[in-house]
Amino acid sequence: MGGRQVKGAAAYLAVGALLGAVTGCGTDREEPVEVAGAIDQPAPTSREAGERNARKAALAAYSGYLAVTREASGASDPHHPELTTYLADPLLTRVRYTLRAAKEHGAVRIGALRSDPVVTAVDIANVPPTVEIQDCLDATGWQLVYAEDKRVVPGSQSTRHLATATVTRYPDGRWLINAGASHEDQPC
């Protein structure tokens, strides 16, 4: 098994890295807040409330996606029962393919993946409604290793980089991650 490399390790890293998003990694993302008395603040509109709920639901789906993908990657299990709780096609198929390829080559992921997602766009008027997320994923502690002896798979070094995801509300009301990309050429 020595010297065996996992075909598609880069794709596996990309899917693993895809598990998060941050706008302008390392920059101050907080907007100035204007302080006003409770009487001076208008009641939120139904659109504002809808956008706030969409942000919250999308971030919850994204967090679940990261957790389930980390769990599935620890056993390279493409049939992990909770993948469909947070993922939809075409991303679901890509994640399953990557997990299957790692399993076929005797590799699993171990360690920690750090994420700090930020919602960058909300479109509740779109059919279906969508939310865009960016993340500065720190995968430096999340290694692809051979399951048999825990040796790091050659060429599978993880990085800290930008990742993006699209979360879509499906007709049954669930918010699912259906698209994503790992931008390993954009460190953060």
C-alpha atoms as a PDB file:
ATOM      1  CA  MET A   1       0.000   0.000   0.000  1.00  0.00           C
ATOM      2  CA  GLY A   2       3.037   2.298   0.412  1.00  0.00           C
ATOM      3  CA  GLY A   3       3.136   5.042  -2.168  1.00  0.00           C
ATOM      4  CA  ARG A   4      -0.473   4.488  -3.209  1.00  0.00           C
ATOM      5  CA  GLN A   5      -2.165   7.768  -4.021  1.00  0.00           C
ATOM      6  CA  VAL A   6      -5.849   8.432  -3.950  1.00  0.00           C
ATOM      7  CA  LYS A   7      -7.075   9.345  -7.407  1.00  0.00           C
ATOM      8  CA  GLY A   8      -9.151  12.445  -7.129  1.00  0.00           C
ATOM      9  CA  ALA A   9      -7.626  13.479  -3.795  1.00  0.00           C
ATOM     10  CA  ALA A  10      -7.836  17.052  -4.986  1.00  0.00           C
ATOM     11  CA  ALA A  11     -11.548  16.607  -5.666  1.00  0.00           C
ATOM     12  CA  TYR A  12     -11.971  15.042  -2.247  1.00  0.00           C
ATOM     13  CA  LEU A  13     -10.226  18.022  -0.704  1.00  0.00           C
ATOM     14  CA  ALA A  14     -12.401  20.358  -2.698  1.00  0.00           C
ATOM     15  CA  VAL A  15     -15.591  18.745  -1.466  1.00  0.00           C
ATOM     16  CA  GLY A  16     -14.307  18.669   2.076  1.00  0.00           C
ATOM     17  CA  ALA A  17     -13.171  22.240   1.813  1.00  0.00           C
ATOM     18  CA  LEU A  18     -16.454  23.254   0.359  1.00  0.00           C
ATOM     19  CA  LEU A  19     -17.953  22.854   3.757  1.00  0.00           C
ATOM     20  CA  GLY A  20     -17.934  26.598   4.686  1.00  0.00           C
ATOM     21  CA  ALA A  21     -17.713  30.340   3.605  1.00  0.00           C
ATOM     22  CA  VAL A  22     -16.378  33.786   4.721  1.00  0.00           C
ATOM     23  CA  THR A  23     -16.545  37.116   2.977  1.00  0.00           C
ATOM     24  CA  GLY A  24     -13.129  38.683   2.552  1.00  0.00           C
ATOM     25  CA  CYS A  25     -11.325  36.242   4.830  1.00  0.00           C
ATOM     26  CA  GLY A  26      -9.391  38.052   7.496  1.00  0.00           C
ATOM     27  CA  THR A  27     -11.164  41.358   7.045  1.00  0.00           C
ATOM     28  CA  ASP A  28     -13.473  43.142   9.432  1.00  0.00           C
ATOM     29  CA  ARG A  29     -16.917  42.037   8.312  1.00  0.00           C
ATOM     30  CA  GLU A  30     -18.989  43.944  10.826  1.00  0.00           C
ATOM     31  CA  GLU A  31     -20.949  46.871   9.504  1.00  0.00           C
ATOM     32  CA  PRO A  32     -21.298  49.970  11.677  1.00  0.00           C
ATOM     33  CA  VAL A  33     -24.472  49.817  13.702  1.00  0.00           C
ATOM     34  CA  GLU A  34     -26.535  52.932  14.216  1.00  0.00           C
ATOM     35  CA  VAL A  35     -27.943  53.072  17.717  1.00  0.00           C
ATOM     36  CA  ALA A  36     -31.529  54.200  17.970  1.00  0.00           C
ATOM     37  CA  GLY A  37     -34.149  54.005  20.648  1.00  0.00           C
ATOM     38  CA  ALA A  38     -36.736  51.239  20.490  1.00  0.00           C
ATOM     39  CA  ILE A  39     -39.407  53.793  19.611  1.00  0.00           C
ATOM     40  CA  ASP A  40     -37.336  55.146  16.698  1.00  0.00           C
ATOM     41  CA  GLN A  41     -36.907  51.734  15.028  1.00  0.00           C
ATOM     42  CA  PRO A  42     -39.555  50.709  12.507  1.00  0.00           C
ATOM     43  CA  ALA A  43     -41.069  47.247  12.805  1.00  0.00           C
ATOM     44  CA  PRO A  44     -39.421  44.783  10.430  1.00  0.00           C
ATOM     45  CA  THR A  45     -41.290  44.193   7.201  1.00  0.00           C
ATOM     46  CA  SER A  46     -42.404  40.743   6.208  1.00  0.00           C
ATOM     47  CA  ARG A  47     -39.639  40.779   3.552  1.00  0.00           C
ATOM     48  CA  GLU A  48     -37.018  41.599   6.212  1.00  0.00           C
ATOM     49  CA  ALA A  49     -38.381  38.850   8.446  1.00  0.00           C
ATOM     50  CA  GLY A  50     -38.404  36.435   5.496  1.00  0.00           C
ATOM     51  CA  GLU A  51     -34.792  37.265   4.663  1.00  0.00           C
ATOM     52  CA  ARG A  52     -33.758  36.907   8.310  1.00  0.00           C
ATOM     53  CA  ASN A  53     -35.475  33.494   8.493  1.00  0.00           C
ATOM     54  CA  ALA A  54     -33.854  32.436   5.193  1.00  0.00           C
ATOM     55  CA  ARG A  55     -30.386  33.420   6.496  1.00  0.00           C
ATOM     56  CA  LYS A  56     -30.940  31.483   9.706  1.00  0.00           C
ATOM     57  CA  ALA A  57     -32.246  28.378   7.903  1.00  0.00           C
ATOM     58  CA  ALA A  58     -29.440  28.473   5.318  1.00  0.00           C
ATOM     59  CA  LEU A  59     -26.727  28.759   7.972  1.00  0.00           C
ATOM     60  CA  ALA A  60     -28.309  25.889   9.929  1.00  0.00           C
ATOM     61  CA  ALA A  61     -28.345  23.743   6.763  1.00  0.00           C
ATOM     62  CA  TYR A  62     -24.743  24.678   6.033  1.00  0.00           C
ATOM     63  CA  SER A  63     -23.647  23.816   9.569  1.00  0.00           C
ATOM     64  CA  GLY A  64     -25.441  20.481   9.328  1.00  0.00           C
ATOM     65  CA  TYR A  65     -23.811  19.846   5.951  1.00  0.00           C
ATOM     66  CA  LEU A  66     -20.351  20.396   7.414  1.00  0.00           C
ATOM     67  CA  ALA A  67     -21.035  18.151  10.405  1.00  0.00           C
ATOM     68  CA  VAL A  68     -22.521  15.309   8.345  1.00  0.00           C
ATOM     69  CA  THR A  69     -19.797  15.523   5.707  1.00  0.00           C
ATOM     70  CA  ARG A  70     -17.100  15.402   8.400  1.00  0.00           C
ATOM     71  CA  GLU A  71     -18.795  12.339   9.873  1.00  0.00           C
ATOM     72  CA  ALA A  72     -19.227  10.620   6.490  1.00  0.00           C
ATOM     73  CA  SER A  73     -15.617  11.451   5.567  1.00  0.00           C
ATOM     74  CA  GLY A  74     -14.355   9.796   8.747  1.00  0.00           C
ATOM     75  CA  ALA A  75     -15.569   6.465   7.345  1.00  0.00           C
ATOM     76  CA  SER A  76     -15.606   7.442   3.644  1.00  0.00           C
ATOM     77  CA  ASP A  77     -19.283   6.483   3.682  1.00  0.00           C
ATOM     78  CA  PRO A  78     -21.058   7.628   0.491  1.00  0.00           C
ATOM     79  CA  HIS A  79     -24.340   6.226   1.845  1.00  0.00           C
ATOM     80  CA  HIS A  80     -24.316   8.073   5.152  1.00  0.00           C
ATOM     81  CA  PRO A  81     -28.036   8.388   5.943  1.00  0.00           C
ATOM     82  CA  GLU A  82     -27.931  12.082   6.838  1.00  0.00           C
ATOM     83  CA  LEU A  83     -26.295  13.337   3.635  1.00  0.00           C
ATOM     84  CA  THR A  84     -29.726  13.842   2.072  1.00  0.00           C
ATOM     85  CA  THR A  85     -30.833  15.824   5.114  1.00  0.00           C
ATOM     86  CA  TYR A  86     -28.546  18.695   4.076  1.00  0.00           C
ATOM     87  CA  LEU A  87     -27.524  18.069   0.456  1.00  0.00           C
ATOM     88  CA  ALA A  88     -29.292  17.992  -2.911  1.00  0.00           C
ATOM     89  CA  ASP A  89     -28.056  17.361  -6.430  1.00  0.00           C
ATOM     90  CA  PRO A  90     -25.809  18.132  -8.106  1.00  0.00           C
ATOM     91  CA  LEU A  91     -23.644  18.576  -4.988  1.00  0.00           C
ATOM     92  CA  LEU A  92     -24.998  15.419  -3.311  1.00  0.00           C
ATOM     93  CA  THR A  93     -23.810  13.270  -6.206  1.00  0.00           C
ATOM     94  CA  ARG A  94     -20.386  14.963  -6.208  1.00  0.00           C
ATOM     95  CA  VAL A  95     -19.933  14.403  -2.472  1.00  0.00           C
ATOM     96  CA  ARG A  96     -20.978  10.760  -2.736  1.00  0.00           C
ATOM     97  CA  TYR A  97     -18.622  10.186  -5.661  1.00  0.00           C
ATOM     98  CA  THR A  98     -15.720  11.691  -3.730  1.00  0.00           C
ATOM     99  CA  LEU A  99     -16.479   9.615  -0.623  1.00  0.00           C
ATOM    100  CA  ARG A 100     -16.744   6.455  -2.726  1.00  0.00           C
ATOM    101  CA  ALA A 101     -13.401   7.173  -4.444  1.00  0.00           C
ATOM    102  CA  ALA A 102     -11.686   7.679  -1.075  1.00  0.00           C
ATOM    103  CA  LYS A 103     -13.208   4.454   0.254  1.00  0.00           C
ATOM    104  CA  GLU A 104     -12.073   2.485  -2.796  1.00  0.00           C
ATOM    105  CA  HIS A 105      -8.527   3.694  -2.141  1.00  0.00           C
ATOM    106  CA  GLY A 106      -8.639   2.982   1.582  1.00  0.00           C
ATOM    107  CA  ALA A 107      -8.605   6.614   2.670  1.00  0.00           C
ATOM    108  CA  VAL A 108     -10.573   8.530   5.303  1.00  0.00           C
ATOM    109  CA  ARG A 109     -10.461  12.039   6.748  1.00  0.00           C
ATOM    110  CA  ILE A 110      -9.413  12.689  10.322  1.00  0.00           C
ATOM    111  CA  GLY A 111      -8.939  15.820  12.370  1.00  0.00           C
ATOM    112  CA  ALA A 112     -10.715  19.136  12.578  1.00  0.00           C
ATOM    113  CA  LEU A 113     -12.236  21.385   9.941  1.00  0.00           C
ATOM    114  CA  ARG A 114     -12.788  24.976  10.996  1.00  0.00           C
ATOM    115  CA  SER A 115     -15.453  27.139   9.415  1.00  0.00           C
ATOM    116  CA  ASP A 116     -16.833  30.649   9.797  1.00  0.00           C
ATOM    117  CA  PRO A 117     -19.635  31.019   7.239  1.00  0.00           C
ATOM    118  CA  VAL A 118     -21.137  34.326   6.210  1.00  0.00           C
ATOM    119  CA  VAL A 119     -24.290  34.901   4.171  1.00  0.00           C
ATOM    120  CA  THR A 120     -23.414  37.078   1.183  1.00  0.00           C
ATOM    121  CA  ALA A 121     -26.747  37.162  -0.651  1.00  0.00           C
ATOM    122  CA  VAL A 122     -30.390  36.334   0.025  1.00  0.00           C
ATOM    123  CA  ASP A 123     -33.000  36.144  -2.722  1.00  0.00           C
ATOM    124  CA  ILE A 124     -36.362  35.101  -1.319  1.00  0.00           C
ATOM    125  CA  ALA A 125     -38.166  36.470  -4.402  1.00  0.00           C
ATOM    126  CA  ASN A 126     -36.332  33.954  -6.596  1.00  0.00           C
ATOM    127  CA  VAL A 127     -38.146  30.739  -7.499  1.00  0.00           C
ATOM    128  CA  PRO A 128     -36.902  28.789  -5.645  1.00  0.00           C
ATOM    129  CA  PRO A 129     -35.521  31.095  -2.939  1.00  0.00           C
ATOM    130  CA  THR A 130     -31.725  30.968  -2.545  1.00  0.00           C
ATOM    131  CA  VAL A 131     -29.031  32.037  -0.124  1.00  0.00           C
ATOM    132  CA  GLU A 132     -25.342  32.375  -1.016  1.00  0.00           C
ATOM    133  CA  ILE A 133     -22.698  31.598   1.605  1.00  0.00           C
ATOM    134  CA  GLN A 134     -18.948  32.213   1.670  1.00  0.00           C
ATOM    135  CA  ASP A 135     -16.563  30.578   4.085  1.00  0.00           C
ATOM    136  CA  CYS A 136     -12.900  30.769   4.891  1.00  0.00           C
ATOM    137  CA  LEU A 137     -12.345  27.070   5.509  1.00  0.00           C
ATOM    138  CA  ASP A 138      -9.375  26.064   7.580  1.00  0.00           C
ATOM    139  CA  ALA A 139      -8.771  22.456   6.573  1.00  0.00           C
ATOM    140  CA  THR A 140      -5.134  22.403   7.697  1.00  0.00           C
ATOM    141  CA  GLY A 141      -6.068  20.109  10.594  1.00  0.00           C
ATOM    142  CA  TRP A 142      -8.336  17.869   8.499  1.00  0.00           C
ATOM    143  CA  GLN A 143      -6.177  15.258   6.848  1.00  0.00           C
ATOM    144  CA  LEU A 144      -6.796  12.611   4.222  1.00  0.00           C
ATOM    145  CA  VAL A 145      -5.091   9.466   5.531  1.00  0.00           C
ATOM    146  CA  TYR A 146      -4.987   5.783   4.739  1.00  0.00           C
ATOM    147  CA  ALA A 147      -7.461   4.056   7.073  1.00  0.00           C
ATOM    148  CA  GLU A 148      -5.138   1.105   7.621  1.00  0.00           C
ATOM    149  CA  ASP A 149      -2.159   2.946   9.105  1.00  0.00           C
ATOM    150  CA  LYS A 150      -3.195   6.640   9.309  1.00  0.00           C
ATOM    151  CA  ARG A 151      -0.385   7.750   6.968  1.00  0.00           C
ATOM    152  CA  VAL A 152      -1.175  11.006   5.182  1.00  0.00           C
ATOM    153  CA  VAL A 153      -2.114  10.447   1.550  1.00  0.00           C
ATOM    154  CA  PRO A 154       0.638  12.000  -0.605  1.00  0.00           C
ATOM    155  CA  GLY A 155      -0.477  15.141  -2.411  1.00  0.00           C
ATOM    156  CA  SER A 156      -3.481  15.700  -0.180  1.00  0.00           C
ATOM    157  CA  GLN A 157      -2.269  18.636   1.888  1.00  0.00           C
ATOM    158  CA  SER A 158      -5.177  20.695   3.124  1.00  0.00           C
ATOM    159  CA  THR A 159      -5.183  24.478   3.095  1.00  0.00           C
ATOM    160  CA  ARG A 160      -7.019  27.477   4.432  1.00  0.00           C
ATOM    161  CA  HIS A 161      -9.039  28.894   1.560  1.00  0.00           C
ATOM    162  CA  LEU A 162     -12.274  30.413   0.336  1.00  0.00           C
ATOM    163  CA  ALA A 163     -15.300  28.211  -0.312  1.00  0.00           C
ATOM    164  CA  THR A 164     -18.773  29.099  -1.553  1.00  0.00           C
ATOM    165  CA  ALA A 165     -22.136  27.371  -1.323  1.00  0.00           C
ATOM    166  CA  THR A 166     -25.668  27.898  -2.592  1.00  0.00           C
ATOM    167  CA  VAL A 167     -28.533  26.951  -0.306  1.00  0.00           C
ATOM    168  CA  THR A 168     -31.942  26.515  -1.944  1.00  0.00           C
ATOM    169  CA  ARG A 169     -35.384  26.143  -0.394  1.00  0.00           C
ATOM    170  CA  TYR A 170     -37.125  23.132  -1.901  1.00  0.00           C
ATOM    171  CA  PRO A 171     -40.919  22.776  -2.325  1.00  0.00           C
ATOM    172  CA  ASP A 172     -41.125  20.666   0.854  1.00  0.00           C
ATOM    173  CA  GLY A 173     -39.731  23.649   2.809  1.00  0.00           C
ATOM    174  CA  ARG A 174     -36.241  22.224   3.417  1.00  0.00           C
ATOM    175  CA  TRP A 175     -33.179  24.366   2.801  1.00  0.00           C
ATOM    176  CA  LEU A 176     -30.517  22.202   1.106  1.00  0.00           C
ATOM    177  CA  ILE A 177     -27.005  22.848  -0.176  1.00  0.00           C
ATOM    178  CA  ASN A 178     -27.133  22.064  -3.895  1.00  0.00           C
ATOM    179  CA  ALA A 179     -24.041  23.821  -5.231  1.00  0.00           C
ATOM    180  CA  GLY A 180     -20.643  24.692  -3.939  1.00  0.00           C
ATOM    181  CA  ALA A 181     -17.064  25.324  -4.881  1.00  0.00           C
ATOM    182  CA  SER A 182     -13.713  25.236  -3.217  1.00  0.00           C
ATOM    183  CA  HIS A 183     -11.419  28.089  -4.233  1.00  0.00           C
ATOM    184  CA  GLU A 184      -8.054  26.687  -3.152  1.00  0.00           C
ATOM    185  CA  ASP A 185      -6.322  29.352  -5.254  1.00  0.00           C
ATOM    186  CA  GLN A 186      -7.811  31.990  -2.928  1.00  0.00           C
ATOM    187  CA  PRO A 187      -6.226  31.691   0.519  1.00  0.00           C
ATOM    188  CA  CYS A 188      -7.895  33.567   3.331  1.00  0.00           C
END
